[in-house]
Amino acid sequence: MGIATTTKTAAARQLSDQNSQGTLLGASSTDLIGFFGVTTAVAQQNINGSVSSGVLASTIANALVALGLVNTSSIVA
């Protein structure tokens, strides 16, 4: 596996090669990923619960925070 490097450019770098099948991050559910400078990457998380439950909503919110996709000051289950 290669080592990630930091490059400063004037343009954003695209991860996608724009193929019709999309772009995948990670080869398995145990591969760790994160976004926007999170300090600890996370593996795929299981989210269980009724679609109408507050527990499901807070579990999804926790997962998004763990990936670094959203910020929140507090999450109430």
Protein backbone atom coordinates (compact mmCIF):
# COMPACT_ATOMS: atom_id res chain seq x y z
CA MET A 1 0.00 0.00 0.00
CA GLY A 2 1.31 3.44 -0.88
CA ILE A 3 1.79 6.33 1.49
CA ALA A 4 -0.50 9.33 1.13
CA THR A 5 1.24 12.59 0.32
CA THR A 6 0.16 16.19 0.63
CA THR A 7 0.16 18.36 -2.47
CA LYS A 8 -0.84 22.02 -2.61
CA THR A 9 -2.46 23.07 -5.87
CA ALA A 10 -4.82 25.80 -7.03
CA ALA A 11 -7.55 23.30 -7.97
CA ALA A 12 -9.46 20.60 -6.12
CA ARG A 13 -8.42 17.01 -6.89
CA GLN A 14 -11.12 14.61 -8.04
CA LEU A 15 -11.25 11.08 -6.62
CA SER A 16 -13.72 9.91 -9.25
CA ASP A 17 -12.77 8.77 -12.71
CA GLN A 18 -16.42 9.54 -13.64
CA ASN A 19 -17.24 5.99 -14.74
CA SER A 20 -20.87 4.86 -14.80
CA GLN A 21 -20.35 2.49 -11.84
CA GLY A 22 -19.41 5.23 -9.35
CA THR A 23 -16.53 5.56 -6.89
CA LEU A 24 -15.94 3.34 -3.85
CA LEU A 25 -13.93 4.21 -0.76
CA GLY A 26 -12.52 1.15 0.99
CA ALA A 27 -12.35 -2.42 -0.25
CA SER A 28 -14.25 -3.93 2.71
CA SER A 29 -16.45 -2.87 5.62
CA THR A 30 -13.41 -3.00 7.91
CA ASP A 31 -11.40 -0.43 5.92
CA LEU A 32 -11.14 2.81 7.86
CA ILE A 33 -12.24 6.07 6.23
CA GLY A 34 -12.85 9.65 7.33
CA PHE A 35 -13.41 13.09 5.86
CA PHE A 36 -12.43 16.72 6.49
CA GLY A 37 -9.52 16.28 8.87
CA VAL A 38 -11.01 13.83 11.38
CA THR A 39 -8.28 12.53 13.68
CA THR A 40 -9.50 8.93 13.80
CA ALA A 41 -10.93 7.15 10.75
CA VAL A 42 -13.78 4.69 11.29
CA ALA A 43 -14.98 1.42 9.74
CA GLN A 44 -18.49 0.85 8.44
CA GLN A 45 -21.00 1.15 11.25
CA ASN A 46 -24.17 -0.87 11.74
CA ILE A 47 -27.25 1.27 12.21
CA ASN A 48 -30.33 -0.48 13.59
CA GLY A 49 -33.77 0.68 14.63
CA SER A 50 -37.17 1.67 13.38
CA VAL A 51 -37.16 4.29 10.64
CA SER A 52 -39.40 6.44 12.84
CA SER A 53 -37.36 6.09 16.02
CA GLY A 54 -35.34 8.88 17.60
CA VAL A 55 -32.67 6.30 18.43
CA LEU A 56 -32.15 5.60 14.72
CA ALA A 57 -31.85 9.32 13.99
CA SER A 58 -29.28 9.88 16.73
CA THR A 59 -27.33 6.77 15.65
CA ILE A 60 -27.15 8.11 12.10
CA ALA A 61 -26.09 11.52 13.45
CA ASN A 62 -23.33 9.87 15.52
CA ALA A 63 -22.11 7.97 12.44
CA LEU A 64 -21.99 11.16 10.35
CA VAL A 65 -20.05 12.94 13.10
CA ALA A 66 -17.59 10.01 13.36
CA LEU A 67 -16.91 10.25 9.61
CA GLY A 68 -16.43 14.00 9.84
CA LEU A 69 -19.32 14.71 7.48
CA VAL A 70 -21.24 16.88 9.95
CA ASN A 71 -20.45 18.90 13.09
CA THR A 72 -22.71 19.11 16.12
CA SER A 73 -22.42 20.56 19.59
CA SER A 74 -24.53 17.77 21.14
CA ILE A 75 -26.44 14.63 20.20
CA VAL A 76 -29.35 13.53 22.37
CA ALA A 77 -30.56 9.94 22.01
